[in-house]
């Protein structure tokens, strides 16, 4: 947290439209990758600020060293570190850490989901009309804005409210913890959602792409929610993709 709240002490680079990186991202990623490489040299690593590195074991790490970089830069207090581990069967372990609130969301496949060591579950919400949703805007894929706005309008009319926090990993963690009832976003990167997807599933939720498949790490399109709310959300997000 050396640089938190000290915007004038570090440089900000723009990797692409609305896509920023700071020394905080890079140093955090270097530390995480160094730790993994030291203990698991045959594992592959897919991290936001580095080129993918191969490994022969079949294990793959997904690392987002600072999910919510724009929030961090502007002093908006919502960002996290997200790390997920996959094996040939899928996601195996996950951790999302919010340093400002000292909240650590974790999960292992078949072992449940936890917040600071205490079990968590998705909310009991059964109706979209009563659900509080969270989303992210497709700033990096503006050619899909029309499709996104179609879904957004439907959810504004059909839910009890929508929030936009700027950290997909924390959005997923909050769905897992019952703070939100559902989340949808498009054109994300695998490190944005790998860890959070497992935490939601282990908390009793459902995570798919917009077509109801488990291809969200590849497509970047994701819907995560309680079982009943997920079914309703899926019916909505499919429509703009077909008509757009």
C-alpha atoms as a PDB file:
ATOM      1  CA  UNK A   1       0.000   0.000   0.000  1.00  0.00           C
ATOM      2  CA  UNK A   2       3.040   2.233  -0.370  1.00  0.00           C
ATOM      3  CA  UNK A   3       1.481   4.173  -3.270  1.00  0.00           C
ATOM      4  CA  UNK A   4      -2.176   4.219  -2.234  1.00  0.00           C
ATOM      5  CA  UNK A   5      -3.512   7.765  -2.157  1.00  0.00           C
ATOM      6  CA  UNK A   6      -0.247   9.180  -3.539  1.00  0.00           C
ATOM      7  CA  UNK A   7      -1.119   9.711  -7.190  1.00  0.00           C
ATOM      8  CA  UNK A   8       1.732  12.165  -7.780  1.00  0.00           C
ATOM      9  CA  UNK A   9       4.431   9.677  -6.694  1.00  0.00           C
ATOM     10  CA  UNK A  10       4.183   7.204  -9.589  1.00  0.00           C
ATOM     11  CA  UNK A  11       3.737   7.220 -13.356  1.00  0.00           C
ATOM     12  CA  UNK A  12       0.709   5.853 -15.184  1.00  0.00           C
ATOM     13  CA  UNK A  13       1.101   4.223 -18.586  1.00  0.00           C
ATOM     14  CA  UNK A  14      -1.742   3.604 -21.023  1.00  0.00           C
ATOM     15  CA  UNK A  15      -1.495   0.152 -22.628  1.00  0.00           C
ATOM     16  CA  UNK A  16      -4.555   0.789 -24.775  1.00  0.00           C
ATOM     17  CA  UNK A  17      -7.848   2.627 -24.717  1.00  0.00           C
ATOM     18  CA  UNK A  18      -8.985   2.835 -21.077  1.00  0.00           C
ATOM     19  CA  UNK A  19      -6.345   0.266 -20.112  1.00  0.00           C
ATOM     20  CA  UNK A  20      -3.742   1.491 -17.617  1.00  0.00           C
ATOM     21  CA  UNK A  21      -0.751   0.079 -15.762  1.00  0.00           C
ATOM     22  CA  UNK A  22       1.328   1.409 -12.869  1.00  0.00           C
ATOM     23  CA  UNK A  23       4.427   0.415 -10.944  1.00  0.00           C
ATOM     24  CA  UNK A  24       2.041  -1.066  -8.372  1.00  0.00           C
ATOM     25  CA  UNK A  25       0.660  -3.550 -10.920  1.00  0.00           C
ATOM     26  CA  UNK A  26       4.131  -4.536 -12.069  1.00  0.00           C
ATOM     27  CA  UNK A  27       5.743  -4.894  -8.652  1.00  0.00           C
ATOM     28  CA  UNK A  28       2.834  -6.911  -7.282  1.00  0.00           C
ATOM     29  CA  UNK A  29       2.889  -9.221 -10.289  1.00  0.00           C
ATOM     30  CA  UNK A  30       6.654  -9.688 -10.091  1.00  0.00           C
ATOM     31  CA  UNK A  31       6.387 -10.695  -6.434  1.00  0.00           C
ATOM     32  CA  UNK A  32       3.572 -13.183  -7.069  1.00  0.00           C
ATOM     33  CA  UNK A  33       5.224 -14.739 -10.120  1.00  0.00           C
ATOM     34  CA  UNK A  34       8.558 -15.004  -8.320  1.00  0.00           C
ATOM     35  CA  UNK A  35       6.887 -16.873  -5.457  1.00  0.00           C
ATOM     36  CA  UNK A  36       5.094 -19.272  -7.817  1.00  0.00           C
ATOM     37  CA  UNK A  37       8.182 -19.857  -9.934  1.00  0.00           C
ATOM     38  CA  UNK A  38      10.213 -20.630  -6.828  1.00  0.00           C
ATOM     39  CA  UNK A  39       7.791 -23.297  -5.610  1.00  0.00           C
ATOM     40  CA  UNK A  40       6.287 -24.589  -8.858  1.00  0.00           C
ATOM     41  CA  UNK A  41       8.809 -24.140 -11.687  1.00  0.00           C
ATOM     42  CA  UNK A  42       6.900 -26.485 -14.019  1.00  0.00           C
ATOM     43  CA  UNK A  43       3.603 -24.557 -13.770  1.00  0.00           C
ATOM     44  CA  UNK A  44       2.515 -22.132 -16.486  1.00  0.00           C
ATOM     45  CA  UNK A  45       1.574 -18.549 -15.659  1.00  0.00           C
ATOM     46  CA  UNK A  46      -0.922 -16.239 -17.359  1.00  0.00           C
ATOM     47  CA  UNK A  47      -0.628 -12.777 -15.839  1.00  0.00           C
ATOM     48  CA  UNK A  48      -1.961  -9.396 -16.882  1.00  0.00           C
ATOM     49  CA  UNK A  49       1.326  -7.529 -17.185  1.00  0.00           C
ATOM     50  CA  UNK A  50       3.592 -10.284 -18.558  1.00  0.00           C
ATOM     51  CA  UNK A  51       3.647 -12.554 -21.611  1.00  0.00           C
ATOM     52  CA  UNK A  52       2.342 -16.086 -20.920  1.00  0.00           C
ATOM     53  CA  UNK A  53       4.949 -18.574 -19.751  1.00  0.00           C
ATOM     54  CA  UNK A  54       4.650 -22.279 -20.434  1.00  0.00           C
ATOM     55  CA  UNK A  55       5.001 -25.264 -18.153  1.00  0.00           C
ATOM     56  CA  UNK A  56       4.843 -29.025 -18.515  1.00  0.00           C
ATOM     57  CA  UNK A  57       2.747 -29.952 -15.474  1.00  0.00           C
ATOM     58  CA  UNK A  58      -0.733 -29.070 -16.753  1.00  0.00           C
ATOM     59  CA  UNK A  59      -1.168 -26.537 -13.953  1.00  0.00           C
ATOM     60  CA  UNK A  60      -1.889 -22.920 -14.903  1.00  0.00           C
ATOM     61  CA  UNK A  61      -1.940 -19.792 -12.730  1.00  0.00           C
ATOM     62  CA  UNK A  62      -4.104 -16.770 -13.580  1.00  0.00           C
ATOM     63  CA  UNK A  63      -2.843 -13.585 -11.947  1.00  0.00           C
ATOM     64  CA  UNK A  64      -4.315 -10.096 -11.812  1.00  0.00           C
ATOM     65  CA  UNK A  65      -1.959  -8.174  -9.521  1.00  0.00           C
ATOM     66  CA  UNK A  66      -4.232  -5.134  -9.263  1.00  0.00           C
ATOM     67  CA  UNK A  67      -7.793  -5.598 -10.439  1.00  0.00           C
ATOM     68  CA  UNK A  68      -9.261  -2.119 -10.413  1.00  0.00           C
ATOM     69  CA  UNK A  69      -6.199  -0.173 -11.555  1.00  0.00           C
ATOM     70  CA  UNK A  70      -8.288   2.818 -12.649  1.00  0.00           C
ATOM     71  CA  UNK A  71      -9.917   2.913  -9.216  1.00  0.00           C
ATOM     72  CA  UNK A  72      -6.493   2.796  -7.566  1.00  0.00           C
ATOM     73  CA  UNK A  73      -5.176   5.632  -9.721  1.00  0.00           C
ATOM     74  CA  UNK A  74      -8.130   7.875  -8.886  1.00  0.00           C
ATOM     75  CA  UNK A  75      -8.181   7.075  -5.184  1.00  0.00           C
ATOM     76  CA  UNK A  76     -11.450   5.169  -5.431  1.00  0.00           C
ATOM     77  CA  UNK A  77     -11.253   2.572  -2.630  1.00  0.00           C
ATOM     78  CA  UNK A  78     -12.157  -0.608  -4.464  1.00  0.00           C
ATOM     79  CA  UNK A  79      -9.458  -2.859  -5.916  1.00  0.00           C
ATOM     80  CA  UNK A  80      -7.902  -6.232  -5.184  1.00  0.00           C
ATOM     81  CA  UNK A  81      -5.357  -8.910  -6.016  1.00  0.00           C
ATOM     82  CA  UNK A  82      -6.744 -11.989  -7.777  1.00  0.00           C
ATOM     83  CA  UNK A  83      -4.944 -15.335  -8.148  1.00  0.00           C
ATOM     84  CA  UNK A  84      -6.412 -18.578  -9.471  1.00  0.00           C
ATOM     85  CA  UNK A  85      -4.940 -22.015 -10.146  1.00  0.00           C
ATOM     86  CA  UNK A  86      -6.284 -24.376 -12.810  1.00  0.00           C
ATOM     87  CA  UNK A  87      -5.449 -27.992 -13.585  1.00  0.00           C
ATOM     88  CA  UNK A  88      -6.613 -30.144 -16.524  1.00  0.00           C
ATOM     89  CA  UNK A  89     -10.038 -30.526 -14.868  1.00  0.00           C
ATOM     90  CA  UNK A  90     -10.634 -26.780 -14.492  1.00  0.00           C
ATOM     91  CA  UNK A  91     -10.211 -24.229 -11.732  1.00  0.00           C
ATOM     92  CA  UNK A  92      -8.678 -25.816  -8.646  1.00  0.00           C
ATOM     93  CA  UNK A  93      -7.980 -23.017  -6.133  1.00  0.00           C
ATOM     94  CA  UNK A  94      -8.578 -19.283  -5.868  1.00  0.00           C
ATOM     95  CA  UNK A  95      -7.871 -16.262  -3.712  1.00  0.00           C
ATOM     96  CA  UNK A  96      -9.033 -12.650  -3.985  1.00  0.00           C
ATOM     97  CA  UNK A  97      -7.647 -10.150  -1.490  1.00  0.00           C
ATOM     98  CA  UNK A  98      -8.987  -6.663  -0.764  1.00  0.00           C
ATOM     99  CA  UNK A  99      -6.171  -4.909   1.140  1.00  0.00           C
ATOM    100  CA  UNK A 100      -8.219  -1.892   2.211  1.00  0.00           C
ATOM    101  CA  UNK A 101     -10.823  -4.007   4.014  1.00  0.00           C
ATOM    102  CA  UNK A 102      -8.469  -6.875   4.841  1.00  0.00           C
ATOM    103  CA  UNK A 103     -10.900  -9.310   3.217  1.00  0.00           C
ATOM    104  CA  UNK A 104      -9.575 -12.545   1.761  1.00  0.00           C
ATOM    105  CA  UNK A 105     -12.003 -14.588  -0.345  1.00  0.00           C
ATOM    106  CA  UNK A 106     -10.789 -18.139  -1.003  1.00  0.00           C
ATOM    107  CA  UNK A 107     -12.010 -21.399  -2.478  1.00  0.00           C
ATOM    108  CA  UNK A 108     -10.803 -24.845  -3.464  1.00  0.00           C
ATOM    109  CA  UNK A 109     -12.623 -27.161  -5.834  1.00  0.00           C
ATOM    110  CA  UNK A 110     -14.997 -29.271  -3.774  1.00  0.00           C
ATOM    111  CA  UNK A 111     -13.895 -27.560  -0.567  1.00  0.00           C
ATOM    112  CA  UNK A 112     -16.277 -24.613  -0.352  1.00  0.00           C
ATOM    113  CA  UNK A 113     -15.789 -20.847  -0.369  1.00  0.00           C
ATOM    114  CA  UNK A 114     -14.632 -18.658   2.499  1.00  0.00           C
ATOM    115  CA  UNK A 115     -14.186 -15.057   3.599  1.00  0.00           C
ATOM    116  CA  UNK A 116     -11.351 -14.684   6.107  1.00  0.00           C
ATOM    117  CA  UNK A 117     -11.739 -18.362   6.943  1.00  0.00           C
ATOM    118  CA  UNK A 118     -15.507 -18.297   7.479  1.00  0.00           C
ATOM    119  CA  UNK A 119     -17.813 -20.144   5.029  1.00  0.00           C
ATOM    120  CA  UNK A 120     -19.812 -18.014   2.597  1.00  0.00           C
ATOM    121  CA  UNK A 121     -22.797 -18.720   0.360  1.00  0.00           C
ATOM    122  CA  UNK A 122     -24.544 -16.875  -2.415  1.00  0.00           C
ATOM    123  CA  UNK A 123     -27.741 -15.075  -1.476  1.00  0.00           C
ATOM    124  CA  UNK A 124     -31.085 -16.906  -1.427  1.00  0.00           C
ATOM    125  CA  UNK A 125     -32.475 -14.577  -4.124  1.00  0.00           C
ATOM    126  CA  UNK A 126     -34.893 -16.383  -6.433  1.00  0.00           C
ATOM    127  CA  UNK A 127     -36.345 -13.546  -8.526  1.00  0.00           C
ATOM    128  CA  UNK A 128     -34.584 -11.160 -10.865  1.00  0.00           C
ATOM    129  CA  UNK A 129     -37.036  -8.444  -9.869  1.00  0.00           C
ATOM    130  CA  UNK A 130     -35.698  -8.585  -6.301  1.00  0.00           C
ATOM    131  CA  UNK A 131     -32.039  -8.968  -7.251  1.00  0.00           C
ATOM    132  CA  UNK A 132     -29.245  -6.434  -6.806  1.00  0.00           C
ATOM    133  CA  UNK A 133     -26.899  -6.765  -9.775  1.00  0.00           C
ATOM    134  CA  UNK A 134     -23.406  -5.545 -10.551  1.00  0.00           C
ATOM    135  CA  UNK A 135     -21.756  -5.051 -13.921  1.00  0.00           C
ATOM    136  CA  UNK A 136     -18.829  -3.527 -15.759  1.00  0.00           C
ATOM    137  CA  UNK A 137     -18.890  -1.402 -18.903  1.00  0.00           C
ATOM    138  CA  UNK A 138     -17.158  -2.680 -22.081  1.00  0.00           C
ATOM    139  CA  UNK A 139     -14.742   0.257 -22.366  1.00  0.00           C
ATOM    140  CA  UNK A 140     -12.197  -1.862 -24.231  1.00  0.00           C
ATOM    141  CA  UNK A 141     -14.751  -3.296 -26.688  1.00  0.00           C
ATOM    142  CA  UNK A 142     -16.855  -0.312 -27.647  1.00  0.00           C
ATOM    143  CA  UNK A 143     -17.958  -2.042 -30.855  1.00  0.00           C
ATOM    144  CA  UNK A 144     -20.132  -4.206 -28.574  1.00  0.00           C
ATOM    145  CA  UNK A 145     -21.664  -1.282 -26.728  1.00  0.00           C
ATOM    146  CA  UNK A 146     -25.019  -1.640 -28.478  1.00  0.00           C
ATOM    147  CA  UNK A 147     -25.406  -5.240 -27.346  1.00  0.00           C
ATOM    148  CA  UNK A 148     -24.347  -4.328 -23.818  1.00  0.00           C
ATOM    149  CA  UNK A 149     -26.799  -1.440 -23.575  1.00  0.00           C
ATOM    150  CA  UNK A 150     -29.610  -3.744 -24.654  1.00  0.00           C
ATOM    151  CA  UNK A 151     -28.904  -6.003 -21.690  1.00  0.00           C
ATOM    152  CA  UNK A 152     -28.366  -3.047 -19.382  1.00  0.00           C
ATOM    153  CA  UNK A 153     -31.765  -1.586 -20.231  1.00  0.00           C
ATOM    154  CA  UNK A 154     -33.472  -4.916 -19.599  1.00  0.00           C
ATOM    155  CA  UNK A 155     -31.781  -5.284 -16.222  1.00  0.00           C
ATOM    156  CA  UNK A 156     -32.579  -1.698 -15.211  1.00  0.00           C
ATOM    157  CA  UNK A 157     -36.233  -2.429 -15.884  1.00  0.00           C
ATOM    158  CA  UNK A 158     -36.218  -5.951 -14.483  1.00  0.00           C
ATOM    159  CA  UNK A 159     -34.059  -5.882 -11.333  1.00  0.00           C
ATOM    160  CA  UNK A 160     -34.091  -4.034  -8.022  1.00  0.00           C
ATOM    161  CA  UNK A 161     -30.878  -2.161  -8.828  1.00  0.00           C
ATOM    162  CA  UNK A 162     -27.499  -2.165 -10.580  1.00  0.00           C
ATOM    163  CA  UNK A 163     -24.070  -1.174  -9.314  1.00  0.00           C
ATOM    164  CA  UNK A 164     -20.786  -0.673 -11.170  1.00  0.00           C
ATOM    165  CA  UNK A 165     -17.664  -0.966  -8.990  1.00  0.00           C
ATOM    166  CA  UNK A 166     -14.796  -1.285 -11.477  1.00  0.00           C
ATOM    167  CA  UNK A 167     -13.302  -4.592 -10.291  1.00  0.00           C
ATOM    168  CA  UNK A 168     -14.646  -7.772 -11.868  1.00  0.00           C
ATOM    169  CA  UNK A 169     -12.810  -9.966  -9.365  1.00  0.00           C
ATOM    170  CA  UNK A 170     -14.415  -8.231  -6.390  1.00  0.00           C
ATOM    171  CA  UNK A 171     -17.779  -8.230  -8.166  1.00  0.00           C
ATOM    172  CA  UNK A 172     -17.554 -12.016  -8.322  1.00  0.00           C
ATOM    173  CA  UNK A 173     -16.363 -12.268  -4.724  1.00  0.00           C
ATOM    174  CA  UNK A 174     -19.321 -10.158  -3.624  1.00  0.00           C
ATOM    175  CA  UNK A 175     -21.728 -12.423  -5.501  1.00  0.00           C
ATOM    176  CA  UNK A 176     -20.163 -15.378  -3.696  1.00  0.00           C
ATOM    177  CA  UNK A 177     -20.612 -13.631  -0.360  1.00  0.00           C
ATOM    178  CA  UNK A 178     -24.246 -12.717  -0.992  1.00  0.00           C
ATOM    179  CA  UNK A 179     -23.648  -8.970  -1.261  1.00  0.00           C
ATOM    180  CA  UNK A 180     -24.795  -9.024  -4.876  1.00  0.00           C
ATOM    181  CA  UNK A 181     -27.237 -11.470  -6.430  1.00  0.00           C
ATOM    182  CA  UNK A 182     -25.802 -11.459  -9.942  1.00  0.00           C
ATOM    183  CA  UNK A 183     -23.004 -10.138 -12.156  1.00  0.00           C
ATOM    184  CA  UNK A 184     -22.565  -9.840 -15.896  1.00  0.00           C
ATOM    185  CA  UNK A 185     -19.872  -8.343 -18.088  1.00  0.00           C
ATOM    186  CA  UNK A 186     -18.415  -8.843 -21.553  1.00  0.00           C
ATOM    187  CA  UNK A 187     -14.961  -8.898 -23.154  1.00  0.00           C
ATOM    188  CA  UNK A 188     -13.011  -9.606 -19.972  1.00  0.00           C
ATOM    189  CA  UNK A 189      -9.603 -11.278 -19.743  1.00  0.00           C
ATOM    190  CA  UNK A 190      -9.161 -14.691 -18.097  1.00  0.00           C
ATOM    191  CA  UNK A 191      -7.188 -13.264 -15.169  1.00  0.00           C
ATOM    192  CA  UNK A 192     -10.154 -10.992 -14.385  1.00  0.00           C
ATOM    193  CA  UNK A 193     -12.532 -13.867 -13.683  1.00  0.00           C
ATOM    194  CA  UNK A 194     -10.623 -17.130 -13.167  1.00  0.00           C
ATOM    195  CA  UNK A 195     -10.349 -16.927  -9.384  1.00  0.00           C
ATOM    196  CA  UNK A 196     -13.748 -15.353  -8.834  1.00  0.00           C
ATOM    197  CA  UNK A 197     -15.553 -17.927 -10.939  1.00  0.00           C
ATOM    198  CA  UNK A 198     -14.420 -20.756  -8.671  1.00  0.00           C
ATOM    199  CA  UNK A 199     -15.311 -18.823  -5.520  1.00  0.00           C
ATOM    200  CA  UNK A 200     -18.847 -18.219  -6.821  1.00  0.00           C
ATOM    201  CA  UNK A 201     -19.324 -21.863  -7.799  1.00  0.00           C
ATOM    202  CA  UNK A 202     -18.056 -23.124  -4.454  1.00  0.00           C
ATOM    203  CA  UNK A 203     -20.430 -20.700  -2.724  1.00  0.00           C
ATOM    204  CA  UNK A 204     -23.383 -22.303  -4.503  1.00  0.00           C
ATOM    205  CA  UNK A 205     -23.690 -20.002  -7.502  1.00  0.00           C
ATOM    206  CA  UNK A 206     -23.599 -20.647 -11.236  1.00  0.00           C
ATOM    207  CA  UNK A 207     -21.057 -19.174 -13.657  1.00  0.00           C
ATOM    208  CA  UNK A 208     -21.293 -19.418 -17.454  1.00  0.00           C
ATOM    209  CA  UNK A 209     -20.709 -17.443 -20.617  1.00  0.00           C
ATOM    210  CA  UNK A 210     -23.612 -15.709 -22.351  1.00  0.00           C
ATOM    211  CA  UNK A 211     -24.653 -18.944 -24.048  1.00  0.00           C
ATOM    212  CA  UNK A 212     -24.836 -20.940 -20.828  1.00  0.00           C
ATOM    213  CA  UNK A 213     -21.543 -22.729 -21.439  1.00  0.00           C
ATOM    214  CA  UNK A 214     -18.362 -22.790 -19.359  1.00  0.00           C
ATOM    215  CA  UNK A 215     -16.336 -20.988 -22.026  1.00  0.00           C
ATOM    216  CA  UNK A 216     -16.113 -17.653 -20.181  1.00  0.00           C
ATOM    217  CA  UNK A 217     -12.325 -17.770 -19.759  1.00  0.00           C
ATOM    218  CA  UNK A 218     -11.989 -17.830 -23.548  1.00  0.00           C
ATOM    219  CA  UNK A 219     -14.916 -15.668 -24.642  1.00  0.00           C
ATOM    220  CA  UNK A 220     -14.547 -13.093 -21.866  1.00  0.00           C
ATOM    221  CA  UNK A 221     -18.336 -12.924 -21.492  1.00  0.00           C
ATOM    222  CA  UNK A 222     -19.596 -13.965 -18.073  1.00  0.00           C
ATOM    223  CA  UNK A 223     -22.778 -14.298 -16.041  1.00  0.00           C
ATOM    224  CA  UNK A 224     -22.471 -15.268 -12.371  1.00  0.00           C
ATOM    225  CA  UNK A 225     -25.403 -15.410  -9.987  1.00  0.00           C
ATOM    226  CA  UNK A 226     -27.564 -17.424  -7.653  1.00  0.00           C
ATOM    227  CA  UNK A 227     -29.109 -20.398  -9.483  1.00  0.00           C
ATOM    228  CA  UNK A 228     -32.549 -18.830 -10.023  1.00  0.00           C
ATOM    229  CA  UNK A 229     -31.253 -15.372 -10.866  1.00  0.00           C
ATOM    230  CA  UNK A 230     -28.667 -16.834 -13.234  1.00  0.00           C
ATOM    231  CA  UNK A 231     -31.349 -18.495 -15.339  1.00  0.00           C
ATOM    232  CA  UNK A 232     -33.232 -15.204 -15.645  1.00  0.00           C
ATOM    233  CA  UNK A 233     -30.083 -13.218 -16.447  1.00  0.00           C
ATOM    234  CA  UNK A 234     -29.056 -15.693 -19.110  1.00  0.00           C
ATOM    235  CA  UNK A 235     -32.337 -15.178 -20.939  1.00  0.00           C
ATOM    236  CA  UNK A 236     -31.599 -11.443 -21.057  1.00  0.00           C
ATOM    237  CA  UNK A 237     -27.950 -11.440 -22.136  1.00  0.00           C
ATOM    238  CA  UNK A 238     -28.579 -13.900 -24.957  1.00  0.00           C
ATOM    239  CA  UNK A 239     -31.011 -11.539 -26.693  1.00  0.00           C
ATOM    240  CA  UNK A 240     -28.669  -8.636 -27.602  1.00  0.00           C
ATOM    241  CA  UNK A 241     -25.983 -11.048 -28.788  1.00  0.00           C
ATOM    242  CA  UNK A 242     -28.412 -12.630 -31.233  1.00  0.00           C
ATOM    243  CA  UNK A 243     -30.067  -9.435 -32.430  1.00  0.00           C
ATOM    244  CA  UNK A 244     -26.910  -7.287 -32.425  1.00  0.00           C
END
